[in-house]
Amino acid sequence: MSRSTSARPWSRAGCRGCAPRCKRYARFPKYAANFARLGVDPAETVLTPDSGTLPAYRRAVDEVVLRAMTAGDDVADYLRFVQMAGRMGG
């Protein structure tokens, strides 16, 4: 059986919206059950550019799924996300 995890990398600009979004995720029943089963706070799944935690995630599981959460919703924001994830070791 493969193991995977989902993480949410944030740009520095996107970090400002982290706390409210984490709380919102925790209210969805399926997400809440998953966080409870894993014993983690939703905020613990957020990766920031300077956290240095993506390589550790990659060593711990077979697959890491990154969900883009950007400050804006245009192509340039998503391209910056891809570049940031690459620099983070993704």
Protein backbone atom coordinates (compact mmCIF):
# COMPACT_ATOMS: atom_id res chain seq x y z
CA MET A 1 0.00 0.00 0.00
CA SER A 2 1.38 3.40 -0.89
CA ARG A 3 1.33 6.29 1.52
CA SER A 4 0.59 9.82 0.46
CA THR A 5 0.03 13.14 2.11
CA SER A 6 -1.41 16.44 1.05
CA ALA A 7 0.35 19.70 1.82
CA ARG A 8 -0.43 23.29 1.05
CA PRO A 9 2.56 25.42 0.13
CA TRP A 10 1.99 29.12 0.52
CA SER A 11 3.78 32.03 -0.97
CA ARG A 12 4.80 34.71 1.50
CA ALA A 13 1.86 36.82 0.29
CA GLY A 14 -0.52 33.86 0.61
CA CYS A 15 0.57 33.14 4.21
CA ARG A 16 -1.54 36.04 5.41
CA GLY A 17 -4.67 34.03 4.57
CA CYS A 18 -3.45 30.79 6.10
CA ALA A 19 -5.23 30.77 9.47
CA PRO A 20 -8.76 31.42 8.19
CA ARG A 21 -8.38 28.86 5.41
CA CYS A 22 -7.04 26.24 7.82
CA LYS A 23 -10.04 26.79 10.07
CA ARG A 24 -12.34 26.48 7.08
CA TYR A 25 -10.77 23.14 6.08
CA ALA A 26 -11.23 21.86 9.61
CA ARG A 27 -14.99 22.44 9.32
CA PHE A 28 -15.44 20.06 6.36
CA PRO A 29 -16.44 16.67 7.82
CA LYS A 30 -14.11 14.58 5.64
CA TYR A 31 -11.15 16.89 6.26
CA ALA A 32 -11.94 17.09 9.98
CA ALA A 33 -12.08 13.29 10.22
CA ASN A 34 -8.77 12.97 8.38
CA PHE A 35 -7.03 15.57 10.57
CA ALA A 36 -8.44 13.87 13.70
CA ARG A 37 -7.34 10.41 12.50
CA LEU A 38 -3.84 11.71 11.82
CA GLY A 39 -3.76 13.74 15.03
CA VAL A 40 -2.69 16.94 13.29
CA ASP A 41 -3.90 20.50 13.24
CA PRO A 42 -4.70 21.72 9.71
CA ALA A 43 -2.09 24.47 10.10
CA GLU A 44 0.56 21.74 10.46
CA THR A 45 -0.01 20.76 6.82
CA VAL A 46 0.99 24.18 5.48
CA LEU A 47 4.44 24.55 3.98
CA THR A 48 6.04 27.96 3.60
CA PRO A 49 9.03 28.74 1.41
CA ASP A 50 11.34 29.01 4.40
CA SER A 51 9.98 26.05 6.38
CA GLY A 52 12.36 23.51 4.83
CA THR A 53 9.86 20.70 5.48
CA LEU A 54 8.99 19.48 1.97
CA PRO A 55 12.03 17.16 1.70
CA ALA A 56 11.06 15.54 5.03
CA TYR A 57 7.50 14.99 3.76
CA ARG A 58 8.91 13.39 0.60
CA ARG A 59 11.11 11.01 2.61
CA ALA A 60 8.21 9.96 4.86
CA VAL A 61 5.66 9.00 2.19
CA ASP A 62 5.53 7.61 -1.32
CA GLU A 63 3.77 10.64 -2.74
CA VAL A 64 3.23 14.26 -1.72
CA VAL A 65 0.33 16.12 -3.31
CA LEU A 66 0.77 19.88 -3.34
CA ARG A 67 -2.33 22.03 -3.54
CA ALA A 68 -1.68 25.49 -4.91
CA MET A 69 -3.00 28.30 -2.74
CA THR A 70 -1.94 31.56 -4.28
CA ALA A 71 -2.50 35.21 -3.46
CA GLY A 72 -4.24 35.72 -6.80
CA ASP A 73 -5.91 33.58 -9.42
CA ASP A 74 -4.07 34.41 -12.62
CA VAL A 75 -1.54 32.33 -14.55
CA ALA A 76 1.43 34.30 -13.17
CA ASP A 77 0.43 33.38 -9.59
CA TYR A 78 0.35 29.68 -10.45
CA LEU A 79 3.66 29.87 -12.31
CA ARG A 80 5.22 31.46 -9.20
CA PHE A 81 3.75 28.59 -7.15
CA VAL A 82 5.35 25.98 -9.45
CA GLN A 83 8.71 27.78 -9.28
CA MET A 84 8.48 28.06 -5.47
CA ALA A 85 7.59 24.37 -5.12
CA GLY A 86 10.62 23.49 -7.25
CA ARG A 87 12.92 25.55 -5.05
CA MET A 88 11.40 23.93 -1.95
CA GLY A 89 12.44 20.51 -3.19
CA GLY A 90 9.19 19.47 -4.81
